[in-house]
Structures are given as C-alpha cells and as structure tokens.
Amino acid sequence: MEINKIYNQNCLDTMARMSDNFIDLVVTSPPYDNLRDYKGCVFPFEDIAKELFRVVKKGSVIVTGK
C-alpha cells in the first residue's frame, strides 16, 4: 500500500492489505440507528471495527461523528 494516497474501494478490502499498526488517525461517521438512508448498502460494523483496531497504531485515535 502506498501512503498519502486515496483508495476508493470497500474499506474492508483496503484494510485487509494493511499491516498491523499502519494508521495514525481514523475519522469516520458510521451509521447510527438508521438515521440515514444508504440505499441498500450494507455496513458490517463489527467487521469494520475489528479491522480498524488492528490497523490503527497503538496510542492513536479513532474519531467518530454523528
């Protein structure tokens, strides 16, 4: 994976190619309580959270918004 490059693809596919402790910061806004319409898109929160915690460096931050 190249750093400082934007990948427009499924986040689980992208994170699967990352090594452990690869990312300094994550800013995300996952769907909460069906507040938004994602037009049939699936959001596998548990799978994404598991990968996020694997790829984020120790002592780094995952910031979520609403």
Protein backbone atom coordinates (compact mmCIF):
# COMPACT_ATOMS: atom_id res chain seq x y z
CA MET A 1 0.00 0.00 0.00
CA GLU A 2 1.14 3.50 -0.77
CA ILE A 3 0.84 6.13 1.94
CA ASN A 4 -0.73 9.53 1.21
CA LYS A 5 -2.93 8.01 -1.49
CA ILE A 6 -6.73 7.83 -1.59
CA TYR A 7 -8.23 4.41 -2.30
CA ASN A 8 -11.86 4.47 -3.46
CA GLN A 9 -12.92 0.94 -2.64
CA ASN A 10 -14.55 -1.19 0.02
CA CYS A 11 -12.83 -0.31 3.30
CA LEU A 12 -12.61 -3.96 4.37
CA ASP A 13 -10.72 -4.84 1.17
CA THR A 14 -8.36 -1.91 1.67
CA MET A 15 -7.70 -2.58 5.36
CA ALA A 16 -7.06 -6.28 4.62
CA ARG A 17 -3.98 -5.19 2.65
CA MET A 18 -2.67 -3.04 5.53
CA SER A 19 -0.24 -4.30 8.09
CA ASP A 20 -0.99 -4.08 11.81
CA ASN A 21 -0.41 -0.64 13.38
CA PHE A 22 -0.42 1.12 9.98
CA ILE A 23 -2.67 4.19 10.50
CA ASP A 24 -2.16 7.22 12.76
CA LEU A 25 -5.73 8.57 12.75
CA VAL A 26 -9.19 7.48 11.59
CA VAL A 27 -12.09 9.92 11.16
CA THR A 28 -15.38 8.18 10.39
CA SER A 29 -19.12 8.63 10.61
CA PRO A 30 -20.72 5.19 10.74
CA PRO A 31 -24.49 4.89 10.50
CA TYR A 32 -26.21 5.16 13.86
CA ASP A 33 -29.71 3.76 14.49
CA ASN A 34 -30.69 4.01 10.79
CA LEU A 35 -30.60 7.83 10.89
CA ARG A 36 -29.52 7.94 7.23
CA ASP A 37 -30.67 6.13 4.09
CA TYR A 38 -27.77 4.25 2.49
CA LYS A 39 -29.91 2.96 -0.41
CA GLY A 40 -29.39 -0.72 0.30
CA CYS A 41 -25.70 -0.51 1.14
CA VAL A 42 -24.63 -2.82 3.94
CA PHE A 43 -22.48 -1.56 6.80
CA PRO A 44 -20.90 -4.53 8.63
CA PHE A 45 -19.94 -2.50 11.71
CA GLU A 46 -18.38 -5.35 13.72
CA ASP A 47 -16.09 -6.41 10.85
CA ILE A 48 -15.03 -2.82 10.17
CA ALA A 49 -14.39 -2.06 13.86
CA LYS A 50 -12.26 -5.20 14.21
CA GLU A 51 -10.09 -4.19 11.24
CA LEU A 52 -9.86 -0.57 12.40
CA PHE A 53 -8.47 -1.58 15.77
CA ARG A 54 -5.97 -3.88 14.03
CA VAL A 55 -4.61 -1.28 11.60
CA VAL A 56 -4.57 1.78 13.91
CA LYS A 57 -1.24 2.34 15.64
CA LYS A 58 -1.06 1.86 19.40
CA GLY A 59 -1.84 5.16 21.12
CA SER A 60 -3.58 6.59 18.04
CA VAL A 61 -7.19 7.68 17.78
CA ILE A 62 -10.41 6.64 16.03
CA VAL A 63 -12.80 9.63 15.90
CA THR A 64 -16.46 9.04 15.11
CA GLY A 65 -19.10 11.60 14.29
CA LYS A 66 -22.82 11.55 14.04
